[in-house]
Amino acid sequence: MSAAGTLTRADLAESLHREVGLSRADASRLVEQVLSHMCEALSKGENVKISGFGSFILRDKGERVGRNPKTGVEVPIAPRRVLTFRASQMMRDRIVAGS
């Protein structure tokens, strides 16, 4: 993991290289293929569930009225699709145990 505490694509590829024995190029290509496949599924409107990790879920949010906090003026917020992540119970348990 990088110094800032963020796991990157390069970190994932390096881990595959060390632990599985793939070449760095193959490991990097594999990480890109997995992420590309996930992005493709999400862009088609499919949810992505990774057992023991969590689910990436698409939600359609309807139009609603928001308020400018500075002026108090009401403004309509357009309907949109948002991506949410819900960690699996196993992942939540691991996070709690690690803190």
PDB file of N, CA and C in Angstrom:
ATOM      1  N   MET A   1       0.838  -1.170   0.000  1.00  0.00           N
ATOM      2  CA  MET A   1       0.000   0.000   0.000  1.00  0.00           C
ATOM      3  C   MET A   1       0.893   1.246   0.000  1.00  0.00           C
ATOM      4  N   SER A   2       0.419   2.302  -0.643  1.00  0.00           N
ATOM      5  CA  SER A   2       1.206   3.526  -0.707  1.00  0.00           C
ATOM      6  C   SER A   2       1.239   4.223   0.648  1.00  0.00           C
ATOM      7  N   ALA A   3       2.119   5.192   0.788  1.00  0.00           N
ATOM      8  CA  ALA A   3       2.353   5.860   2.067  1.00  0.00           C
ATOM      9  C   ALA A   3       1.102   6.551   2.607  1.00  0.00           C
ATOM     10  N   ALA A   4       0.229   7.031   1.730  1.00  0.00           N
ATOM     11  CA  ALA A   4      -0.953   7.765   2.158  1.00  0.00           C
ATOM     12  C   ALA A   4      -2.056   6.844   2.685  1.00  0.00           C
ATOM     13  N   GLY A   5      -1.852   5.529   2.602  1.00  0.00           N
ATOM     14  CA  GLY A   5      -2.854   4.601   3.098  1.00  0.00           C
ATOM     15  C   GLY A   5      -3.948   4.310   2.091  1.00  0.00           C
ATOM     16  N   THR A   6      -3.664   4.499   0.823  1.00  0.00           N
ATOM     17  CA  THR A   6      -4.634   4.225  -0.239  1.00  0.00           C
ATOM     18  C   THR A   6      -4.136   3.069  -1.093  1.00  0.00           C
ATOM     19  N   LEU A   7      -4.989   2.079  -1.275  1.00  0.00           N
ATOM     20  CA  LEU A   7      -4.645   0.938  -2.117  1.00  0.00           C
ATOM     21  C   LEU A   7      -4.894   1.317  -3.573  1.00  0.00           C
ATOM     22  N   THR A   8      -3.893   1.176  -4.419  1.00  0.00           N
ATOM     23  CA  THR A   8      -4.004   1.574  -5.823  1.00  0.00           C
ATOM     24  C   THR A   8      -3.984   0.358  -6.744  1.00  0.00           C
ATOM     25  N   ARG A   9      -4.232   0.610  -8.029  1.00  0.00           N
ATOM     26  CA  ARG A   9      -4.144  -0.453  -9.037  1.00  0.00           C
ATOM     27  C   ARG A   9      -2.748  -1.062  -9.035  1.00  0.00           C
ATOM     28  N   ALA A  10      -1.748  -0.200  -8.931  1.00  0.00           N
ATOM     29  CA  ALA A  10      -0.360  -0.676  -8.924  1.00  0.00           C
ATOM     30  C   ALA A  10      -0.101  -1.566  -7.715  1.00  0.00           C
ATOM     31  N   ASP A  11      -0.683  -1.230  -6.564  1.00  0.00           N
ATOM     32  CA  ASP A  11      -0.529  -2.055  -5.364  1.00  0.00           C
ATOM     33  C   ASP A  11      -1.162  -3.436  -5.577  1.00  0.00           C
ATOM     34  N   LEU A  12      -2.342  -3.463  -6.192  1.00  0.00           N
ATOM     35  CA  LEU A  12      -3.011  -4.741  -6.469  1.00  0.00           C
ATOM     36  C   LEU A  12      -2.171  -5.593  -7.415  1.00  0.00           C
ATOM     37  N   ALA A  13      -1.653  -4.955  -8.465  1.00  0.00           N
ATOM     38  CA  ALA A  13      -0.829  -5.683  -9.437  1.00  0.00           C
ATOM     39  C   ALA A  13       0.446  -6.207  -8.774  1.00  0.00           C
ATOM     40  N   GLU A  14       1.063  -5.410  -7.944  1.00  0.00           N
ATOM     41  CA  GLU A  14       2.287  -5.827  -7.253  1.00  0.00           C
ATOM     42  C   GLU A  14       2.012  -7.006  -6.322  1.00  0.00           C
ATOM     43  N   SER A  15       0.871  -6.970  -5.651  1.00  0.00           N
ATOM     44  CA  SER A  15       0.483  -8.064  -4.771  1.00  0.00           C
ATOM     45  C   SER A  15       0.281  -9.358  -5.565  1.00  0.00           C
ATOM     46  N   LEU A  16      -0.367  -9.266  -6.728  1.00  0.00           N
ATOM     47  CA  LEU A  16      -0.525 -10.439  -7.596  1.00  0.00           C
ATOM     48  C   LEU A  16       0.829 -10.966  -8.059  1.00  0.00           C
ATOM     49  N   HIS A  17       1.715 -10.051  -8.391  1.00  0.00           N
ATOM     50  CA  HIS A  17       3.060 -10.435  -8.829  1.00  0.00           C
ATOM     51  C   HIS A  17       3.775 -11.222  -7.732  1.00  0.00           C
ATOM     52  N   ARG A  18       3.752 -10.706  -6.502  1.00  0.00           N
ATOM     53  CA  ARG A  18       4.455 -11.340  -5.385  1.00  0.00           C
ATOM     54  C   ARG A  18       3.798 -12.644  -4.926  1.00  0.00           C
ATOM     55  N   GLU A  19       2.472 -12.613  -4.742  1.00  0.00           N
ATOM     56  CA  GLU A  19       1.794 -13.739  -4.107  1.00  0.00           C
ATOM     57  C   GLU A  19       1.369 -14.846  -5.073  1.00  0.00           C
ATOM     58  N   VAL A  20       1.093 -14.501  -6.325  1.00  0.00           N
ATOM     59  CA  VAL A  20       0.636 -15.504  -7.286  1.00  0.00           C
ATOM     60  C   VAL A  20       1.758 -15.897  -8.241  1.00  0.00           C
ATOM     61  N   GLY A  21       2.720 -14.992  -8.407  1.00  0.00           N
ATOM     62  CA  GLY A  21       3.847 -15.300  -9.271  1.00  0.00           C
ATOM     63  C   GLY A  21       3.661 -14.864 -10.718  1.00  0.00           C
ATOM     64  N   LEU A  22       2.636 -14.065 -10.984  1.00  0.00           N
ATOM     65  CA  LEU A  22       2.452 -13.538 -12.342  1.00  0.00           C
ATOM     66  C   LEU A  22       3.542 -12.512 -12.633  1.00  0.00           C
ATOM     67  N   SER A  23       3.855 -12.347 -13.900  1.00  0.00           N
ATOM     68  CA  SER A  23       4.798 -11.277 -14.251  1.00  0.00           C
ATOM     69  C   SER A  23       4.116  -9.949 -13.927  1.00  0.00           C
ATOM     70  N   ARG A  24       4.900  -8.908 -13.766  1.00  0.00           N
ATOM     71  CA  ARG A  24       4.311  -7.602 -13.449  1.00  0.00           C
ATOM     72  C   ARG A  24       3.342  -7.159 -14.538  1.00  0.00           C
ATOM     73  N   ALA A  25       3.700  -7.413 -15.799  1.00  0.00           N
ATOM     74  CA  ALA A  25       2.840  -7.021 -16.920  1.00  0.00           C
ATOM     75  C   ALA A  25       1.525  -7.796 -16.890  1.00  0.00           C
ATOM     76  N   ASP A  26       1.609  -9.117 -16.651  1.00  0.00           N
ATOM     77  CA  ASP A  26       0.391  -9.935 -16.594  1.00  0.00           C
ATOM     78  C   ASP A  26      -0.478  -9.545 -15.404  1.00  0.00           C
ATOM     79  N   ALA A  27       0.147  -9.276 -14.277  1.00  0.00           N
ATOM     80  CA  ALA A  27      -0.595  -8.876 -13.078  1.00  0.00           C
ATOM     81  C   ALA A  27      -1.325  -7.557 -13.326  1.00  0.00           C
ATOM     82  N   SER A  28      -0.638  -6.614 -13.938  1.00  0.00           N
ATOM     83  CA  SER A  28      -1.242  -5.317 -14.245  1.00  0.00           C
ATOM     84  C   SER A  28      -2.397  -5.487 -15.224  1.00  0.00           C
ATOM     85  N   ARG A  29      -2.207  -6.325 -16.239  1.00  0.00           N
ATOM     86  CA  ARG A  29      -3.246  -6.586 -17.236  1.00  0.00           C
ATOM     87  C   ARG A  29      -4.475  -7.239 -16.584  1.00  0.00           C
ATOM     88  N   LEU A  30      -4.242  -8.161 -15.659  1.00  0.00           N
ATOM     89  CA  LEU A  30      -5.336  -8.830 -14.967  1.00  0.00           C
ATOM     90  C   LEU A  30      -6.153  -7.847 -14.133  1.00  0.00           C
ATOM     91  N   VAL A  31      -5.474  -6.979 -13.392  1.00  0.00           N
ATOM     92  CA  VAL A  31      -6.169  -5.965 -12.587  1.00  0.00           C
ATOM     93  C   VAL A  31      -7.021  -5.083 -13.494  1.00  0.00           C
ATOM     94  N   GLU A  32      -6.451  -4.648 -14.622  1.00  0.00           N
ATOM     95  CA  GLU A  32      -7.193  -3.796 -15.556  1.00  0.00           C
ATOM     96  C   GLU A  32      -8.405  -4.518 -16.128  1.00  0.00           C
ATOM     97  N   GLN A  33      -8.261  -5.812 -16.441  1.00  0.00           N
ATOM     98  CA  GLN A  33      -9.373  -6.589 -17.001  1.00  0.00           C
ATOM     99  C   GLN A  33     -10.509  -6.732 -15.988  1.00  0.00           C
ATOM    100  N   VAL A  34     -10.161  -6.992 -14.739  1.00  0.00           N
ATOM    101  CA  VAL A  34     -11.190  -7.140 -13.703  1.00  0.00           C
ATOM    102  C   VAL A  34     -11.931  -5.812 -13.517  1.00  0.00           C
ATOM    103  N   LEU A  35     -11.189  -4.729 -13.394  1.00  0.00           N
ATOM    104  CA  LEU A  35     -11.819  -3.420 -13.200  1.00  0.00           C
ATOM    105  C   LEU A  35     -12.654  -3.029 -14.418  1.00  0.00           C
ATOM    106  N   SER A  36     -12.159  -3.335 -15.606  1.00  0.00           N
ATOM    107  CA  SER A  36     -12.883  -3.031 -16.832  1.00  0.00           C
ATOM    108  C   SER A  36     -14.200  -3.812 -16.889  1.00  0.00           C
ATOM    109  N   HIS A  37     -14.142  -5.074 -16.498  1.00  0.00           N
ATOM    110  CA  HIS A  37     -15.338  -5.916 -16.500  1.00  0.00           C
ATOM    111  C   HIS A  37     -16.371  -5.366 -15.507  1.00  0.00           C
ATOM    112  N   MET A  38     -15.919  -4.941 -14.339  1.00  0.00           N
ATOM    113  CA  MET A  38     -16.819  -4.359 -13.341  1.00  0.00           C
ATOM    114  C   MET A  38     -17.451  -3.073 -13.879  1.00  0.00           C
ATOM    115  N   CYS A  39     -16.637  -2.213 -14.475  1.00  0.00           N
ATOM    116  CA  CYS A  39     -17.142  -0.939 -15.014  1.00  0.00           C
ATOM    117  C   CYS A  39     -18.155  -1.180 -16.126  1.00  0.00           C
ATOM    118  N   GLU A  40     -17.872  -2.159 -16.968  1.00  0.00           N
ATOM    119  CA  GLU A  40     -18.778  -2.481 -18.072  1.00  0.00           C
ATOM    120  C   GLU A  40     -20.131  -2.943 -17.535  1.00  0.00           C
ATOM    121  N   ALA A  41     -20.112  -3.810 -16.540  1.00  0.00           N
ATOM    122  CA  ALA A  41     -21.358  -4.304 -15.946  1.00  0.00           C
ATOM    123  C   ALA A  41     -22.150  -3.151 -15.327  1.00  0.00           C
ATOM    124  N   LEU A  42     -21.464  -2.285 -14.596  1.00  0.00           N
ATOM    125  CA  LEU A  42     -22.138  -1.143 -13.964  1.00  0.00           C
ATOM    126  C   LEU A  42     -22.716  -0.193 -15.010  1.00  0.00           C
ATOM    127  N   SER A  43     -21.984   0.030 -16.100  1.00  0.00           N
ATOM    128  CA  SER A  43     -22.472   0.946 -17.129  1.00  0.00           C
ATOM    129  C   SER A  43     -23.691   0.375 -17.854  1.00  0.00           C
ATOM    130  N   LYS A  44     -23.861  -0.965 -17.824  1.00  0.00           N
ATOM    131  CA  LYS A  44     -25.047  -1.599 -18.404  1.00  0.00           C
ATOM    132  C   LYS A  44     -26.217  -1.612 -17.421  1.00  0.00           C
ATOM    133  N   GLY A  45     -25.995  -1.093 -16.214  1.00  0.00           N
ATOM    134  CA  GLY A  45     -27.060  -1.062 -15.216  1.00  0.00           C
ATOM    135  C   GLY A  45     -27.084  -2.270 -14.301  1.00  0.00           C
ATOM    136  N   GLU A  46     -26.069  -3.120 -14.382  1.00  0.00           N
ATOM    137  CA  GLU A  46     -26.002  -4.304 -13.523  1.00  0.00           C
ATOM    138  C   GLU A  46     -25.294  -3.959 -12.215  1.00  0.00           C
ATOM    139  N   ASN A  47     -25.740  -4.569 -11.124  1.00  0.00           N
ATOM    140  CA  ASN A  47     -25.028  -4.432  -9.862  1.00  0.00           C
ATOM    141  C   ASN A  47     -23.862  -5.426  -9.867  1.00  0.00           C
ATOM    142  N   VAL A  48     -22.825  -5.139  -9.074  1.00  0.00           N
ATOM    143  CA  VAL A  48     -21.658  -6.022  -8.987  1.00  0.00           C
ATOM    144  C   VAL A  48     -21.543  -6.497  -7.541  1.00  0.00           C
ATOM    145  N   LYS A  49     -21.576  -7.821  -7.355  1.00  0.00           N
ATOM    146  CA  LYS A  49     -21.472  -8.391  -6.015  1.00  0.00           C
ATOM    147  C   LYS A  49     -20.243  -9.274  -5.954  1.00  0.00           C
ATOM    148  N   ILE A  50     -19.368  -8.996  -4.996  1.00  0.00           N
ATOM    149  CA  ILE A  50     -18.172  -9.797  -4.784  1.00  0.00           C
ATOM    150  C   ILE A  50     -18.312 -10.431  -3.402  1.00  0.00           C
ATOM    151  N   SER A  51     -18.548 -11.718  -3.390  1.00  0.00           N
ATOM    152  CA  SER A  51     -18.806 -12.439  -2.151  1.00  0.00           C
ATOM    153  C   SER A  51     -17.681 -12.226  -1.146  1.00  0.00           C
ATOM    154  N   GLY A  52     -18.044 -11.927   0.096  1.00  0.00           N
ATOM    155  CA  GLY A  52     -17.063 -11.716   1.149  1.00  0.00           C
ATOM    156  C   GLY A  52     -16.445 -10.331   1.135  1.00  0.00           C
ATOM    157  N   PHE A  53     -16.785  -9.527   0.137  1.00  0.00           N
ATOM    158  CA  PHE A  53     -16.230  -8.171   0.025  1.00  0.00           C
ATOM    159  C   PHE A  53     -17.348  -7.139   0.108  1.00  0.00           C
ATOM    160  N   GLY A  54     -18.272  -7.196  -0.855  1.00  0.00           N
ATOM    161  CA  GLY A  54     -19.381  -6.264  -0.828  1.00  0.00           C
ATOM    162  C   GLY A  54     -20.041  -6.134  -2.184  1.00  0.00           C
ATOM    163  N   SER A  55     -20.993  -5.212  -2.270  1.00  0.00           N
ATOM    164  CA  SER A  55     -21.759  -5.011  -3.491  1.00  0.00           C
ATOM    165  C   SER A  55     -21.704  -3.557  -3.927  1.00  0.00           C
ATOM    166  N   PHE A  56     -21.529  -3.368  -5.233  1.00  0.00           N
ATOM    167  CA  PHE A  56     -21.636  -2.052  -5.845  1.00  0.00           C
ATOM    168  C   PHE A  56     -23.044  -1.996  -6.419  1.00  0.00           C
ATOM    169  N   ILE A  57     -23.850  -1.086  -5.921  1.00  0.00           N
ATOM    170  CA  ILE A  57     -25.268  -1.045  -6.256  1.00  0.00           C
ATOM    171  C   ILE A  57     -25.616   0.278  -6.917  1.00  0.00           C
ATOM    172  N   LEU A  58     -26.318   0.191  -8.042  1.00  0.00           N
ATOM    173  CA  LEU A  58     -26.799   1.390  -8.738  1.00  0.00           C
ATOM    174  C   LEU A  58     -28.183   1.738  -8.207  1.00  0.00           C
ATOM    175  N   ARG A  59     -28.384   3.016  -7.908  1.00  0.00           N
ATOM    176  CA  ARG A  59     -29.697   3.480  -7.446  1.00  0.00           C
ATOM    177  C   ARG A  59     -30.123   4.663  -8.295  1.00  0.00           C
ATOM    178  N   ASP A  60     -31.382   4.666  -8.681  1.00  0.00           N
ATOM    179  CA  ASP A  60     -31.930   5.813  -9.394  1.00  0.00           C
ATOM    180  C   ASP A  60     -32.579   6.727  -8.374  1.00  0.00           C
ATOM    181  N   LYS A  61     -32.137   7.971  -8.339  1.00  0.00           N
ATOM    182  CA  LYS A  61     -32.703   8.945  -7.415  1.00  0.00           C
ATOM    183  C   LYS A  61     -33.622   9.862  -8.206  1.00  0.00           C
ATOM    184  N   GLY A  62     -34.786  10.074  -7.686  1.00  0.00           N
ATOM    185  CA  GLY A  62     -35.760  10.919  -8.365  1.00  0.00           C
ATOM    186  C   GLY A  62     -35.429  12.395  -8.221  1.00  0.00           C
ATOM    187  N   GLU A  63     -36.169  13.203  -8.966  1.00  0.00           N
ATOM    188  CA  GLU A  63     -35.992  14.653  -8.864  1.00  0.00           C
ATOM    189  C   GLU A  63     -36.468  15.093  -7.487  1.00  0.00           C
ATOM    190  N   ARG A  64     -35.788  16.061  -6.932  1.00  0.00           N
ATOM    191  CA  ARG A  64     -36.185  16.591  -5.627  1.00  0.00           C
ATOM    192  C   ARG A  64     -35.822  18.056  -5.547  1.00  0.00           C
ATOM    193  N   VAL A  65     -36.351  18.706  -4.524  1.00  0.00           N
ATOM    194  CA  VAL A  65     -36.059  20.127  -4.327  1.00  0.00           C
ATOM    195  C   VAL A  65     -34.946  20.249  -3.299  1.00  0.00           C
ATOM    196  N   GLY A  66     -33.900  20.962  -3.667  1.00  0.00           N
ATOM    197  CA  GLY A  66     -32.797  21.235  -2.756  1.00  0.00           C
ATOM    198  C   GLY A  66     -32.806  22.700  -2.384  1.00  0.00           C
ATOM    199  N   ARG A  67     -31.895  23.062  -1.528  1.00  0.00           N
ATOM    200  CA  ARG A  67     -31.841  24.440  -1.071  1.00  0.00           C
ATOM    201  C   ARG A  67     -30.401  24.909  -1.057  1.00  0.00           C
ATOM    202  N   ASN A  68     -30.162  26.096  -1.606  1.00  0.00           N
ATOM    203  CA  ASN A  68     -28.839  26.698  -1.541  1.00  0.00           C
ATOM    204  C   ASN A  68     -28.606  27.103  -0.086  1.00  0.00           C
ATOM    205  N   PRO A  69     -27.609  26.521   0.586  1.00  0.00           N
ATOM    206  CA  PRO A  69     -27.418  26.816   2.015  1.00  0.00           C
ATOM    207  C   PRO A  69     -27.049  28.266   2.290  1.00  0.00           C
ATOM    208  N   LYS A  70     -26.465  28.934   1.317  1.00  0.00           N
ATOM    209  CA  LYS A  70     -26.046  30.323   1.517  1.00  0.00           C
ATOM    210  C   LYS A  70     -27.220  31.300   1.412  1.00  0.00           C
ATOM    211  N   THR A  71     -28.051  31.084   0.396  1.00  0.00           N
ATOM    212  CA  THR A  71     -29.138  32.036   0.134  1.00  0.00           C
ATOM    213  C   THR A  71     -30.499  31.529   0.581  1.00  0.00           C
ATOM    214  N   GLY A  72     -30.645  30.232   0.762  1.00  0.00           N
ATOM    215  CA  GLY A  72     -31.937  29.668   1.138  1.00  0.00           C
ATOM    216  C   GLY A  72     -32.879  29.482  -0.041  1.00  0.00           C
ATOM    217  N   VAL A  73     -32.415  29.784  -1.260  1.00  0.00           N
ATOM    218  CA  VAL A  73     -33.251  29.658  -2.451  1.00  0.00           C
ATOM    219  C   VAL A  73     -33.418  28.184  -2.811  1.00  0.00           C
ATOM    220  N   GLU A  74     -34.677  27.789  -3.085  1.00  0.00           N
ATOM    221  CA  GLU A  74     -34.940  26.400  -3.478  1.00  0.00           C
ATOM    222  C   GLU A  74     -34.582  26.199  -4.942  1.00  0.00           C
ATOM    223  N   VAL A  75     -33.912  25.070  -5.228  1.00  0.00           N
ATOM    224  CA  VAL A  75     -33.542  24.725  -6.599  1.00  0.00           C
ATOM    225  C   VAL A  75     -33.878  23.263  -6.857  1.00  0.00           C
ATOM    226  N   PRO A  76     -34.393  22.948  -8.049  1.00  0.00           N
ATOM    227  CA  PRO A  76     -34.680  21.537  -8.347  1.00  0.00           C
ATOM    228  C   PRO A  76     -33.380  20.776  -8.600  1.00  0.00           C
ATOM    229  N   ILE A  77     -33.293  19.565  -8.055  1.00  0.00           N
ATOM    230  CA  ILE A  77     -32.145  18.696  -8.301  1.00  0.00           C
ATOM    231  C   ILE A  77     -32.634  17.610  -9.251  1.00  0.00           C
ATOM    232  N   ALA A  78     -31.975  17.507 -10.403  1.00  0.00           N
ATOM    233  CA  ALA A  78     -32.399  16.591 -11.466  1.00  0.00           C
ATOM    234  C   ALA A  78     -32.281  15.132 -11.023  1.00  0.00           C
ATOM    235  N   PRO A  79     -33.135  14.278 -11.588  1.00  0.00           N
ATOM    236  CA  PRO A  79     -33.000  12.843 -11.282  1.00  0.00           C
ATOM    237  C   PRO A  79     -31.663  12.331 -11.797  1.00  0.00           C
ATOM    238  N   ARG A  80     -31.095  11.379 -11.075  1.00  0.00           N
ATOM    239  CA  ARG A  80     -29.790  10.865 -11.489  1.00  0.00           C
ATOM    240  C   ARG A  80     -29.596   9.453 -10.961  1.00  0.00           C
ATOM    241  N   ARG A  81     -28.602   8.793 -11.505  1.00  0.00           N
ATOM    242  CA  ARG A  81     -28.238   7.449 -11.061  1.00  0.00           C
ATOM    243  C   ARG A  81     -26.962   7.570 -10.237  1.00  0.00           C
ATOM    244  N   VAL A  82     -26.956   6.938  -9.068  1.00  0.00           N
ATOM    245  CA  VAL A  82     -25.780   6.999  -8.201  1.00  0.00           C
ATOM    246  C   VAL A  82     -25.269   5.590  -7.925  1.00  0.00           C
ATOM    247  N   LEU A  83     -23.987   5.494  -7.661  1.00  0.00           N
ATOM    248  CA  LEU A  83     -23.346   4.228  -7.339  1.00  0.00           C
ATOM    249  C   LEU A  83     -23.045   4.210  -5.847  1.00  0.00           C
ATOM    250  N   THR A  84     -23.482   3.159  -5.183  1.00  0.00           N
ATOM    251  CA  THR A  84     -23.188   3.023  -3.759  1.00  0.00           C
ATOM    252  C   THR A  84     -22.442   1.708  -3.541  1.00  0.00           C
ATOM    253  N   PHE A  85     -21.717   1.637  -2.439  1.00  0.00           N
ATOM    254  CA  PHE A  85     -21.030   0.406  -2.071  1.00  0.00           C
ATOM    255  C   PHE A  85     -21.532  -0.023  -0.712  1.00  0.00           C
ATOM    256  N   ARG A  86     -21.888  -1.280  -0.613  1.00  0.00           N
ATOM    257  CA  ARG A  86     -22.307  -1.841   0.671  1.00  0.00           C
ATOM    258  C   ARG A  86     -21.370  -2.997   0.993  1.00  0.00           C
ATOM    259  N   ALA A  87     -20.611  -2.844   2.064  1.00  0.00           N
ATOM    260  CA  ALA A  87     -19.661  -3.878   2.477  1.00  0.00           C
ATOM    261  C   ALA A  87     -20.420  -5.101   2.989  1.00  0.00           C
ATOM    262  N   SER A  88     -19.872  -6.291   2.715  1.00  0.00           N
ATOM    263  CA  SER A  88     -20.481  -7.523   3.213  1.00  0.00           C
ATOM    264  C   SER A  88     -20.301  -7.587   4.728  1.00  0.00           C
ATOM    265  N   GLN A  89     -21.095  -8.445   5.368  1.00  0.00           N
ATOM    266  CA  GLN A  89     -20.967  -8.601   6.816  1.00  0.00           C
ATOM    267  C   GLN A  89     -19.561  -9.083   7.176  1.00  0.00           C
ATOM    268  N   MET A  90     -18.992  -9.966   6.370  1.00  0.00           N
ATOM    269  CA  MET A  90     -17.643 -10.470   6.616  1.00  0.00           C
ATOM    270  C   MET A  90     -16.638  -9.316   6.582  1.00  0.00           C
ATOM    271  N   MET A  91     -16.771  -8.426   5.608  1.00  0.00           N
ATOM    272  CA  MET A  91     -15.870  -7.286   5.486  1.00  0.00           C
ATOM    273  C   MET A  91     -16.048  -6.334   6.675  1.00  0.00           C
ATOM    274  N   ARG A  92     -17.296  -6.068   7.054  1.00  0.00           N
ATOM    275  CA  ARG A  92     -17.534  -5.183   8.205  1.00  0.00           C
ATOM    276  C   ARG A  92     -16.919  -5.767   9.470  1.00  0.00           C
ATOM    277  N   ASP A  93     -17.051  -7.092   9.649  1.00  0.00           N
ATOM    278  CA  ASP A  93     -16.462  -7.739  10.827  1.00  0.00           C
ATOM    279  C   ASP A  93     -14.947  -7.607  10.827  1.00  0.00           C
ATOM    280  N   ARG A  94     -14.328  -7.765   9.641  1.00  0.00           N
ATOM    281  CA  ARG A  94     -12.858  -7.646   9.537  1.00  0.00           C
ATOM    282  C   ARG A  94     -12.398  -6.215   9.842  1.00  0.00           C
ATOM    283  N   ILE A  95     -13.175  -5.240   9.392  1.00  0.00           N
ATOM    284  CA  ILE A  95     -12.827  -3.838   9.633  1.00  0.00           C
ATOM    285  C   ILE A  95     -12.908  -3.525  11.125  1.00  0.00           C
ATOM    286  N   VAL A  96     -13.973  -4.000  11.777  1.00  0.00           N
ATOM    287  CA  VAL A  96     -14.141  -3.768  13.213  1.00  0.00           C
ATOM    288  C   VAL A  96     -13.010  -4.447  13.986  1.00  0.00           C
ATOM    289  N   ALA A  97     -12.667  -5.668  13.606  1.00  0.00           N
ATOM    290  CA  ALA A  97     -11.604  -6.412  14.298  1.00  0.00           C
ATOM    291  C   ALA A  97     -10.245  -5.760  14.100  1.00  0.00           C
ATOM    292  N   GLY A  98     -10.059  -5.084  12.974  1.00  0.00           N
ATOM    293  CA  GLY A  98      -8.778  -4.453  12.679  1.00  0.00           C
ATOM    294  C   GLY A  98      -8.577  -3.101  13.319  1.00  0.00           C
ATOM    295  N   SER A  99      -9.643  -2.516  13.853  1.00  0.00           N
ATOM    296  CA  SER A  99      -9.492  -1.157  14.430  1.00  0.00           C
ATOM    297  C   SER A  99      -9.312  -1.171  15.919  1.00  0.00           C
TER     298      SER A  99
END
